[in-house]
Amino acid sequence: MKKKKWPPHTSWEKFEKELMSKPGVRKAYEALQPEFAIARAIIHARVKKKISQHELARKMKTGQAVVSRLEGANASPSLALLKRLADALNSRLEIRFIPR
């Protein structure tokens, strides 16, 4: 089967729409939403505090690579790690379930 080649001028919106029209891609994307939400929240909180990944890692007593993995949604953090993260950001951790 030939791979579909995208022209170099394809917009992100068009590319995303094409991908999301495929049920398997959409299902996988939706399954990763909690990880993406955690990553976005961490990045937002860190940038708001105007600190680097390195500084956040130091405050958490961990390595910068840990923070990088969290922000890249390449890790599933434990509740204990999220608590340390919240403490390092001088923030309160809140976990909610929102109806679909």
PDB file of N, CA and C in Angstrom:
ATOM      1  N   MET A   1       0.849  -1.179   0.000  1.00  0.00           N
ATOM      2  CA  MET A   1       0.000   0.000   0.000  1.00  0.00           C
ATOM      3  C   MET A   1       0.888   1.233   0.000  1.00  0.00           C
ATOM      4  N   LYS A   2       0.577   2.200  -0.855  1.00  0.00           N
ATOM      5  CA  LYS A   2       1.356   3.426  -0.948  1.00  0.00           C
ATOM      6  C   LYS A   2       1.010   4.362   0.199  1.00  0.00           C
ATOM      7  N   LYS A   3       2.058   5.018   0.717  1.00  0.00           N
ATOM      8  CA  LYS A   3       1.831   6.030   1.744  1.00  0.00           C
ATOM      9  C   LYS A   3       1.342   7.304   1.085  1.00  0.00           C
ATOM     10  N   LYS A   4       0.441   7.989   1.759  1.00  0.00           N
ATOM     11  CA  LYS A   4      -0.053   9.257   1.243  1.00  0.00           C
ATOM     12  C   LYS A   4       1.010  10.314   1.499  1.00  0.00           C
ATOM     13  N   LYS A   5       1.406  11.031   0.476  1.00  0.00           N
ATOM     14  CA  LYS A   5       2.393  12.092   0.617  1.00  0.00           C
ATOM     15  C   LYS A   5       1.666  13.422   0.757  1.00  0.00           C
ATOM     16  N   TRP A   6       2.038  14.153   1.780  1.00  0.00           N
ATOM     17  CA  TRP A   6       1.433  15.460   2.014  1.00  0.00           C
ATOM     18  C   TRP A   6       2.226  16.511   1.263  1.00  0.00           C
ATOM     19  N   PRO A   7       1.548  17.385   0.553  1.00  0.00           N
ATOM     20  CA  PRO A   7       2.276  18.455  -0.123  1.00  0.00           C
ATOM     21  C   PRO A   7       2.888  19.400   0.914  1.00  0.00           C
ATOM     22  N   PRO A   8       3.997  20.037   0.584  1.00  0.00           N
ATOM     23  CA  PRO A   8       4.665  20.899   1.569  1.00  0.00           C
ATOM     24  C   PRO A   8       3.831  22.099   2.004  1.00  0.00           C
ATOM     25  N   HIS A   9       2.801  22.440   1.272  1.00  0.00           N
ATOM     26  CA  HIS A   9       1.987  23.609   1.606  1.00  0.00           C
ATOM     27  C   HIS A   9       0.732  23.271   2.415  1.00  0.00           C
ATOM     28  N   THR A  10       0.596  22.056   2.873  1.00  0.00           N
ATOM     29  CA  THR A  10      -0.575  21.662   3.659  1.00  0.00           C
ATOM     30  C   THR A  10      -0.552  22.374   5.006  1.00  0.00           C
ATOM     31  N   SER A  11      -1.654  22.977   5.375  1.00  0.00           N
ATOM     32  CA  SER A  11      -1.739  23.661   6.668  1.00  0.00           C
ATOM     33  C   SER A  11      -1.903  22.633   7.777  1.00  0.00           C
ATOM     34  N   TRP A  12      -1.549  23.049   8.988  1.00  0.00           N
ATOM     35  CA  TRP A  12      -1.726  22.160  10.138  1.00  0.00           C
ATOM     36  C   TRP A  12      -3.194  21.787  10.298  1.00  0.00           C
ATOM     37  N   GLU A  13      -4.068  22.750  10.123  1.00  0.00           N
ATOM     38  CA  GLU A  13      -5.497  22.497  10.305  1.00  0.00           C
ATOM     39  C   GLU A  13      -5.997  21.420   9.344  1.00  0.00           C
ATOM     40  N   LYS A  14      -5.563  21.497   8.090  1.00  0.00           N
ATOM     41  CA  LYS A  14      -5.979  20.505   7.109  1.00  0.00           C
ATOM     42  C   LYS A  14      -5.390  19.133   7.448  1.00  0.00           C
ATOM     43  N   PHE A  15      -4.121  19.125   7.832  1.00  0.00           N
ATOM     44  CA  PHE A  15      -3.449  17.878   8.203  1.00  0.00           C
ATOM     45  C   PHE A  15      -4.131  17.238   9.417  1.00  0.00           C
ATOM     46  N   GLU A  16      -4.424  18.054  10.431  1.00  0.00           N
ATOM     47  CA  GLU A  16      -5.085  17.554  11.640  1.00  0.00           C
ATOM     48  C   GLU A  16      -6.475  17.004  11.311  1.00  0.00           C
ATOM     49  N   LYS A  17      -7.215  17.725  10.484  1.00  0.00           N
ATOM     50  CA  LYS A  17      -8.559  17.281  10.103  1.00  0.00           C
ATOM     51  C   LYS A  17      -8.502  15.927   9.409  1.00  0.00           C
ATOM     52  N   GLU A  18      -7.534  15.753   8.511  1.00  0.00           N
ATOM     53  CA  GLU A  18      -7.359  14.486   7.798  1.00  0.00           C
ATOM     54  C   GLU A  18      -7.028  13.369   8.785  1.00  0.00           C
ATOM     55  N   LEU A  19      -6.103  13.637   9.700  1.00  0.00           N
ATOM     56  CA  LEU A  19      -5.732  12.611  10.677  1.00  0.00           C
ATOM     57  C   LEU A  19      -6.908  12.235  11.573  1.00  0.00           C
ATOM     58  N   MET A  20      -7.619  13.246  12.064  1.00  0.00           N
ATOM     59  CA  MET A  20      -8.717  13.000  12.997  1.00  0.00           C
ATOM     60  C   MET A  20      -9.912  12.335  12.328  1.00  0.00           C
ATOM     61  N   SER A  21      -9.930  12.284  11.003  1.00  0.00           N
ATOM     62  CA  SER A  21     -11.020  11.596  10.310  1.00  0.00           C
ATOM     63  C   SER A  21     -10.836  10.082  10.374  1.00  0.00           C
ATOM     64  N   LYS A  22      -9.657   9.646  10.793  1.00  0.00           N
ATOM     65  CA  LYS A  22      -9.370   8.213  10.901  1.00  0.00           C
ATOM     66  C   LYS A  22      -9.720   7.751  12.318  1.00  0.00           C
ATOM     67  N   PRO A  23     -10.658   6.806  12.461  1.00  0.00           N
ATOM     68  CA  PRO A  23     -11.127   6.389  13.785  1.00  0.00           C
ATOM     69  C   PRO A  23     -10.006   5.939  14.721  1.00  0.00           C
ATOM     70  N   GLY A  24      -9.041   5.202  14.224  1.00  0.00           N
ATOM     71  CA  GLY A  24      -7.956   4.724  15.079  1.00  0.00           C
ATOM     72  C   GLY A  24      -7.097   5.847  15.614  1.00  0.00           C
ATOM     73  N   VAL A  25      -6.822   6.835  14.773  1.00  0.00           N
ATOM     74  CA  VAL A  25      -6.024   7.992  15.198  1.00  0.00           C
ATOM     75  C   VAL A  25      -6.795   8.800  16.225  1.00  0.00           C
ATOM     76  N   ARG A  26      -8.070   9.039  15.932  1.00  0.00           N
ATOM     77  CA  ARG A  26      -8.898   9.823  16.872  1.00  0.00           C
ATOM     78  C   ARG A  26      -8.991   9.129  18.232  1.00  0.00           C
ATOM     79  N   LYS A  27      -9.180   7.819  18.225  1.00  0.00           N
ATOM     80  CA  LYS A  27      -9.293   7.073  19.477  1.00  0.00           C
ATOM     81  C   LYS A  27      -7.990   7.163  20.276  1.00  0.00           C
ATOM     82  N   ALA A  28      -6.851   7.007  19.607  1.00  0.00           N
ATOM     83  CA  ALA A  28      -5.552   7.090  20.286  1.00  0.00           C
ATOM     84  C   ALA A  28      -5.323   8.491  20.839  1.00  0.00           C
ATOM     85  N   TYR A  29      -5.676   9.509  20.058  1.00  0.00           N
ATOM     86  CA  TYR A  29      -5.513  10.898  20.491  1.00  0.00           C
ATOM     87  C   TYR A  29      -6.369  11.178  21.723  1.00  0.00           C
ATOM     88  N   GLU A  30      -7.612  10.750  21.687  1.00  0.00           N
ATOM     89  CA  GLU A  30      -8.510  10.979  22.815  1.00  0.00           C
ATOM     90  C   GLU A  30      -8.055  10.225  24.060  1.00  0.00           C
ATOM     91  N   ALA A  31      -7.456   9.046  23.870  1.00  0.00           N
ATOM     92  CA  ALA A  31      -6.962   8.270  25.006  1.00  0.00           C
ATOM     93  C   ALA A  31      -5.801   8.971  25.704  1.00  0.00           C
ATOM     94  N   LEU A  32      -5.063   9.807  24.979  1.00  0.00           N
ATOM     95  CA  LEU A  32      -3.914  10.512  25.547  1.00  0.00           C
ATOM     96  C   LEU A  32      -4.260  11.888  26.117  1.00  0.00           C
ATOM     97  N   GLN A  33      -5.509  12.281  26.069  1.00  0.00           N
ATOM     98  CA  GLN A  33      -5.885  13.612  26.546  1.00  0.00           C
ATOM     99  C   GLN A  33      -5.500  13.876  28.005  1.00  0.00           C
ATOM    100  N   PRO A  34      -5.642  12.920  28.924  1.00  0.00           N
ATOM    101  CA  PRO A  34      -5.214  13.215  30.303  1.00  0.00           C
ATOM    102  C   PRO A  34      -3.723  13.547  30.395  1.00  0.00           C
ATOM    103  N   GLU A  35      -2.888  12.815  29.656  1.00  0.00           N
ATOM    104  CA  GLU A  35      -1.453  13.090  29.664  1.00  0.00           C
ATOM    105  C   GLU A  35      -1.166  14.474  29.080  1.00  0.00           C
ATOM    106  N   PHE A  36      -1.855  14.822  27.991  1.00  0.00           N
ATOM    107  CA  PHE A  36      -1.672  16.136  27.380  1.00  0.00           C
ATOM    108  C   PHE A  36      -2.124  17.242  28.338  1.00  0.00           C
ATOM    109  N   ALA A  37      -3.212  17.022  29.041  1.00  0.00           N
ATOM    110  CA  ALA A  37      -3.724  18.030  29.978  1.00  0.00           C
ATOM    111  C   ALA A  37      -2.736  18.248  31.127  1.00  0.00           C
ATOM    112  N   ILE A  38      -2.159  17.164  31.632  1.00  0.00           N
ATOM    113  CA  ILE A  38      -1.164  17.285  32.704  1.00  0.00           C
ATOM    114  C   ILE A  38       0.044  18.054  32.192  1.00  0.00           C
ATOM    115  N   ALA A  39       0.533  17.701  31.011  1.00  0.00           N
ATOM    116  CA  ALA A  39       1.699  18.386  30.443  1.00  0.00           C
ATOM    117  C   ALA A  39       1.419  19.877  30.261  1.00  0.00           C
ATOM    118  N   ARG A  40       0.247  20.215  29.706  1.00  0.00           N
ATOM    119  CA  ARG A  40      -0.102  21.634  29.512  1.00  0.00           C
ATOM    120  C   ARG A  40      -0.161  22.370  30.844  1.00  0.00           C
ATOM    121  N   ALA A  41      -0.740  21.739  31.856  1.00  0.00           N
ATOM    122  CA  ALA A  41      -0.861  22.382  33.166  1.00  0.00           C
ATOM    123  C   ALA A  41       0.517  22.623  33.789  1.00  0.00           C
ATOM    124  N   ILE A  42       1.408  21.661  33.658  1.00  0.00           N
ATOM    125  CA  ILE A  42       2.762  21.815  34.215  1.00  0.00           C
ATOM    126  C   ILE A  42       3.495  22.952  33.505  1.00  0.00           C
ATOM    127  N   ILE A  43       3.457  22.936  32.185  1.00  0.00           N
ATOM    128  CA  ILE A  43       4.136  23.994  31.419  1.00  0.00           C
ATOM    129  C   ILE A  43       3.564  25.362  31.773  1.00  0.00           C
ATOM    130  N   HIS A  44       2.254  25.463  31.811  1.00  0.00           N
ATOM    131  CA  HIS A  44       1.597  26.740  32.121  1.00  0.00           C
ATOM    132  C   HIS A  44       2.022  27.246  33.502  1.00  0.00           C
ATOM    133  N   ALA A  45       1.992  26.372  34.506  1.00  0.00           N
ATOM    134  CA  ALA A  45       2.348  26.778  35.865  1.00  0.00           C
ATOM    135  C   ALA A  45       3.816  27.185  35.955  1.00  0.00           C
ATOM    136  N   ARG A  46       4.687  26.434  35.293  1.00  0.00           N
ATOM    137  CA  ARG A  46       6.121  26.744  35.346  1.00  0.00           C
ATOM    138  C   ARG A  46       6.417  28.072  34.660  1.00  0.00           C
ATOM    139  N   VAL A  47       5.832  28.284  33.488  1.00  0.00           N
ATOM    140  CA  VAL A  47       6.063  29.534  32.753  1.00  0.00           C
ATOM    141  C   VAL A  47       5.495  30.718  33.531  1.00  0.00           C
ATOM    142  N   LYS A  48       4.339  30.531  34.146  1.00  0.00           N
ATOM    143  CA  LYS A  48       3.727  31.595  34.951  1.00  0.00           C
ATOM    144  C   LYS A  48       4.637  31.996  36.109  1.00  0.00           C
ATOM    145  N   LYS A  49       5.340  31.024  36.692  1.00  0.00           N
ATOM    146  CA  LYS A  49       6.270  31.297  37.795  1.00  0.00           C
ATOM    147  C   LYS A  49       7.619  31.818  37.290  1.00  0.00           C
ATOM    148  N   LYS A  50       7.786  31.802  35.950  1.00  0.00           N
ATOM    149  CA  LYS A  50       9.014  32.277  35.307  1.00  0.00           C
ATOM    150  C   LYS A  50      10.249  31.527  35.793  1.00  0.00           C
ATOM    151  N   ILE A  51      10.126  30.192  35.812  1.00  0.00           N
ATOM    152  CA  ILE A  51      11.280  29.374  36.188  1.00  0.00           C
ATOM    153  C   ILE A  51      11.564  28.361  35.079  1.00  0.00           C
ATOM    154  N   SER A  52      12.802  27.942  34.998  1.00  0.00           N
ATOM    155  CA  SER A  52      13.219  26.972  33.987  1.00  0.00           C
ATOM    156  C   SER A  52      12.901  25.556  34.457  1.00  0.00           C
ATOM    157  N   GLN A  53      12.997  24.619  33.525  1.00  0.00           N
ATOM    158  CA  GLN A  53      12.847  23.206  33.897  1.00  0.00           C
ATOM    159  C   GLN A  53      13.901  22.837  34.934  1.00  0.00           C
ATOM    160  N   HIS A  54      15.119  23.331  34.730  1.00  0.00           N
ATOM    161  CA  HIS A  54      16.218  23.024  35.656  1.00  0.00           C
ATOM    162  C   HIS A  54      15.898  23.512  37.069  1.00  0.00           C
ATOM    163  N   GLU A  55      15.398  24.739  37.171  1.00  0.00           N
ATOM    164  CA  GLU A  55      15.059  25.304  38.484  1.00  0.00           C
ATOM    165  C   GLU A  55      13.902  24.535  39.125  1.00  0.00           C
ATOM    166  N   LEU A  56      12.910  24.176  38.337  1.00  0.00           N
ATOM    167  CA  LEU A  56      11.791  23.404  38.875  1.00  0.00           C
ATOM    168  C   LEU A  56      12.283  22.047  39.373  1.00  0.00           C
ATOM    169  N   ALA A  57      13.136  21.419  38.598  1.00  0.00           N
ATOM    170  CA  ALA A  57      13.688  20.118  39.003  1.00  0.00           C
ATOM    171  C   ALA A  57      14.463  20.242  40.310  1.00  0.00           C
ATOM    172  N   ARG A  58      15.237  21.301  40.440  1.00  0.00           N
ATOM    173  CA  ARG A  58      16.001  21.512  41.677  1.00  0.00           C
ATOM    174  C   ARG A  58      15.060  21.646  42.871  1.00  0.00           C
ATOM    175  N   LYS A  59      13.984  22.401  42.700  1.00  0.00           N
ATOM    176  CA  LYS A  59      13.013  22.580  43.783  1.00  0.00           C
ATOM    177  C   LYS A  59      12.301  21.261  44.126  1.00  0.00           C
ATOM    178  N   MET A  60      12.156  20.394  43.125  1.00  0.00           N
ATOM    179  CA  MET A  60      11.509  19.099  43.336  1.00  0.00           C
ATOM    180  C   MET A  60      12.487  18.043  43.843  1.00  0.00           C
ATOM    181  N   LYS A  61      13.784  18.391  43.847  1.00  0.00           N
ATOM    182  CA  LYS A  61      14.845  17.449  44.218  1.00  0.00           C
ATOM    183  C   LYS A  61      14.867  16.252  43.262  1.00  0.00           C
ATOM    184  N   THR A  62      14.857  16.586  41.967  1.00  0.00           N
ATOM    185  CA  THR A  62      14.924  15.579  40.926  1.00  0.00           C
ATOM    186  C   THR A  62      15.742  16.143  39.776  1.00  0.00           C
ATOM    187  N   GLY A  63      15.837  15.405  38.695  1.00  0.00           N
ATOM    188  CA  GLY A  63      16.597  15.866  37.543  1.00  0.00           C
ATOM    189  C   GLY A  63      15.734  16.612  36.538  1.00  0.00           C
ATOM    190  N   GLN A  64      16.392  17.444  35.733  1.00  0.00           N
ATOM    191  CA  GLN A  64      15.697  18.209  34.709  1.00  0.00           C
ATOM    192  C   GLN A  64      15.024  17.279  33.703  1.00  0.00           C
ATOM    193  N   ALA A  65      15.608  16.114  33.460  1.00  0.00           N
ATOM    194  CA  ALA A  65      15.030  15.166  32.506  1.00  0.00           C
ATOM    195  C   ALA A  65      13.637  14.708  32.950  1.00  0.00           C
ATOM    196  N   VAL A  66      13.417  14.616  34.242  1.00  0.00           N
ATOM    197  CA  VAL A  66      12.103  14.224  34.772  1.00  0.00           C
ATOM    198  C   VAL A  66      11.069  15.277  34.381  1.00  0.00           C
ATOM    199  N   VAL A  67      11.413  16.542  34.584  1.00  0.00           N
ATOM    200  CA  VAL A  67      10.494  17.630  34.235  1.00  0.00           C
ATOM    201  C   VAL A  67      10.254  17.640  32.725  1.00  0.00           C
ATOM    202  N   SER A  68      11.299  17.430  31.955  1.00  0.00           N
ATOM    203  CA  SER A  68      11.174  17.381  30.499  1.00  0.00           C
ATOM    204  C   SER A  68      10.223  16.269  30.061  1.00  0.00           C
ATOM    205  N   ARG A  69      10.355  15.093  30.670  1.00  0.00           N
ATOM    206  CA  ARG A  69       9.461  13.977  30.319  1.00  0.00           C
ATOM    207  C   ARG A  69       8.017  14.301  30.682  1.00  0.00           C
ATOM    208  N   LEU A  70       7.807  14.953  31.820  1.00  0.00           N
ATOM    209  CA  LEU A  70       6.454  15.326  32.225  1.00  0.00           C
ATOM    210  C   LEU A  70       5.853  16.327  31.245  1.00  0.00           C
ATOM    211  N   GLU A  71       6.639  17.335  30.884  1.00  0.00           N
ATOM    212  CA  GLU A  71       6.139  18.367  29.975  1.00  0.00           C
ATOM    213  C   GLU A  71       5.973  17.852  28.553  1.00  0.00           C
ATOM    214  N   GLY A  72       6.692  16.811  28.203  1.00  0.00           N
ATOM    215  CA  GLY A  72       6.561  16.216  26.880  1.00  0.00           C
ATOM    216  C   GLY A  72       5.512  15.131  26.829  1.00  0.00           C
ATOM    217  N   ALA A  73       4.792  14.928  27.920  1.00  0.00           N
ATOM    218  CA  ALA A  73       3.766  13.882  28.042  1.00  0.00           C
ATOM    219  C   ALA A  73       4.374  12.511  27.759  1.00  0.00           C
ATOM    220  N   ASN A  74       5.638  12.339  28.130  1.00  0.00           N
ATOM    221  CA  ASN A  74       6.330  11.070  27.927  1.00  0.00           C
ATOM    222  C   ASN A  74       6.424  10.258  29.208  1.00  0.00           C
ATOM    223  N   ALA A  75       5.624  10.609  30.191  1.00  0.00           N
ATOM    224  CA  ALA A  75       5.638   9.889  31.459  1.00  0.00           C
ATOM    225  C   ALA A  75       4.248   9.977  32.080  1.00  0.00           C
ATOM    226  N   SER A  76       3.911   8.988  32.854  1.00  0.00           N
ATOM    227  CA  SER A  76       2.665   9.019  33.615  1.00  0.00           C
ATOM    228  C   SER A  76       3.044   9.237  35.080  1.00  0.00           C
ATOM    229  N   PRO A  77       2.933  10.460  35.552  1.00  0.00           N
ATOM    230  CA  PRO A  77       3.400  10.768  36.897  1.00  0.00           C
ATOM    231  C   PRO A  77       2.540  10.136  37.980  1.00  0.00           C
ATOM    232  N   SER A  78       3.201   9.759  39.044  1.00  0.00           N
ATOM    233  CA  SER A  78       2.484   9.243  40.213  1.00  0.00           C
ATOM    234  C   SER A  78       1.859  10.423  40.955  1.00  0.00           C
ATOM    235  N   LEU A  79       0.937  10.121  41.827  1.00  0.00           N
ATOM    236  CA  LEU A  79       0.319  11.156  42.647  1.00  0.00           C
ATOM    237  C   LEU A  79       1.372  11.812  43.541  1.00  0.00           C
ATOM    238  N   ALA A  80       2.300  11.016  44.055  1.00  0.00           N
ATOM    239  CA  ALA A  80       3.369  11.564  44.899  1.00  0.00           C
ATOM    240  C   ALA A  80       4.216  12.570  44.113  1.00  0.00           C
ATOM    241  N   LEU A  81       4.538  12.257  42.864  1.00  0.00           N
ATOM    242  CA  LEU A  81       5.324  13.177  42.049  1.00  0.00           C
ATOM    243  C   LEU A  81       4.534  14.448  41.755  1.00  0.00           C
ATOM    244  N   LEU A  82       3.246  14.328  41.490  1.00  0.00           N
ATOM    245  CA  LEU A  82       2.415  15.508  41.251  1.00  0.00           C
ATOM    246  C   LEU A  82       2.331  16.387  42.496  1.00  0.00           C
ATOM    247  N   LYS A  83       2.303  15.767  43.680  1.00  0.00           N
ATOM    248  CA  LYS A  83       2.296  16.539  44.927  1.00  0.00           C
ATOM    249  C   LYS A  83       3.606  17.307  45.089  1.00  0.00           C
ATOM    250  N   ARG A  84       4.739  16.650  44.795  1.00  0.00           N
ATOM    251  CA  ARG A  84       6.044  17.329  44.871  1.00  0.00           C
ATOM    252  C   ARG A  84       6.113  18.472  43.863  1.00  0.00           C
ATOM    253  N   LEU A  85       5.550  18.253  42.707  1.00  0.00           N
ATOM    254  CA  LEU A  85       5.518  19.279  41.678  1.00  0.00           C
ATOM    255  C   LEU A  85       4.698  20.477  42.153  1.00  0.00           C
ATOM    256  N   ALA A  86       3.543  20.217  42.708  1.00  0.00           N
ATOM    257  CA  ALA A  86       2.689  21.297  43.220  1.00  0.00           C
ATOM    258  C   ALA A  86       3.406  22.065  44.325  1.00  0.00           C
ATOM    259  N   ASP A  87       4.071  21.365  45.228  1.00  0.00           N
ATOM    260  CA  ASP A  87       4.821  22.025  46.300  1.00  0.00           C
ATOM    261  C   ASP A  87       5.930  22.897  45.717  1.00  0.00           C
ATOM    262  N   ALA A  88       6.661  22.372  44.738  1.00  0.00           N
ATOM    263  CA  ALA A  88       7.759  23.114  44.123  1.00  0.00           C
ATOM    264  C   ALA A  88       7.254  24.366  43.409  1.00  0.00           C
ATOM    265  N   LEU A  89       6.032  24.318  42.907  1.00  0.00           N
ATOM    266  CA  LEU A  89       5.434  25.465  42.222  1.00  0.00           C
ATOM    267  C   LEU A  89       4.635  26.348  43.183  1.00  0.00           C
ATOM    268  N   ASN A  90       4.663  25.999  44.462  1.00  0.00           N
ATOM    269  CA  ASN A  90       3.894  26.717  45.479  1.00  0.00           C
ATOM    270  C   ASN A  90       2.427  26.810  45.038  1.00  0.00           C
ATOM    271  N   SER A  91       1.919  25.653  44.644  1.00  0.00           N
ATOM    272  CA  SER A  91       0.556  25.553  44.122  1.00  0.00           C
ATOM    273  C   SER A  91      -0.193  24.440  44.836  1.00  0.00           C
ATOM    274  N   ARG A  92      -1.488  24.438  44.634  1.00  0.00           N
ATOM    275  CA  ARG A  92      -2.346  23.398  45.184  1.00  0.00           C
ATOM    276  C   ARG A  92      -2.709  22.441  44.055  1.00  0.00           C
ATOM    277  N   LEU A  93      -2.567  21.149  44.289  1.00  0.00           N
ATOM    278  CA  LEU A  93      -2.921  20.138  43.298  1.00  0.00           C
ATOM    279  C   LEU A  93      -4.418  19.882  43.366  1.00  0.00           C
ATOM    280  N   GLU A  94      -5.072  19.928  42.213  1.00  0.00           N
ATOM    281  CA  GLU A  94      -6.505  19.676  42.146  1.00  0.00           C
ATOM    282  C   GLU A  94      -6.760  18.700  41.013  1.00  0.00           C
ATOM    283  N   ILE A  95      -7.441  17.611  41.306  1.00  0.00           N
ATOM    284  CA  ILE A  95      -7.780  16.615  40.299  1.00  0.00           C
ATOM    285  C   ILE A  95      -9.290  16.573  40.215  1.00  0.00           C
ATOM    286  N   ARG A  96      -9.819  16.679  38.980  1.00  0.00           N
ATOM    287  CA  ARG A  96     -11.265  16.718  38.815  1.00  0.00           C
ATOM    288  C   ARG A  96     -11.691  15.721  37.754  1.00  0.00           C
ATOM    289  N   PHE A  97     -12.892  15.242  37.889  1.00  0.00           N
ATOM    290  CA  PHE A  97     -13.540  14.430  36.860  1.00  0.00           C
ATOM    291  C   PHE A  97     -14.633  15.294  36.259  1.00  0.00           C
ATOM    292  N   ILE A  98     -14.581  15.462  34.940  1.00  0.00           N
ATOM    293  CA  ILE A  98     -15.515  16.332  34.245  1.00  0.00           C
ATOM    294  C   ILE A  98     -16.387  15.471  33.338  1.00  0.00           C
ATOM    295  N   PRO A  99     -17.711  15.603  33.432  1.00  0.00           N
ATOM    296  CA  PRO A  99     -18.580  14.802  32.563  1.00  0.00           C
ATOM    297  C   PRO A  99     -18.274  15.064  31.088  1.00  0.00           C
ATOM    298  N   ARG A 100     -18.386  14.016  30.281  1.00  0.00           N
ATOM    299  CA  ARG A 100     -18.115  14.155  28.840  1.00  0.00           C
ATOM    300  C   ARG A 100     -19.243  14.821  28.129  1.00  0.00           C
TER     301      ARG A 100
END
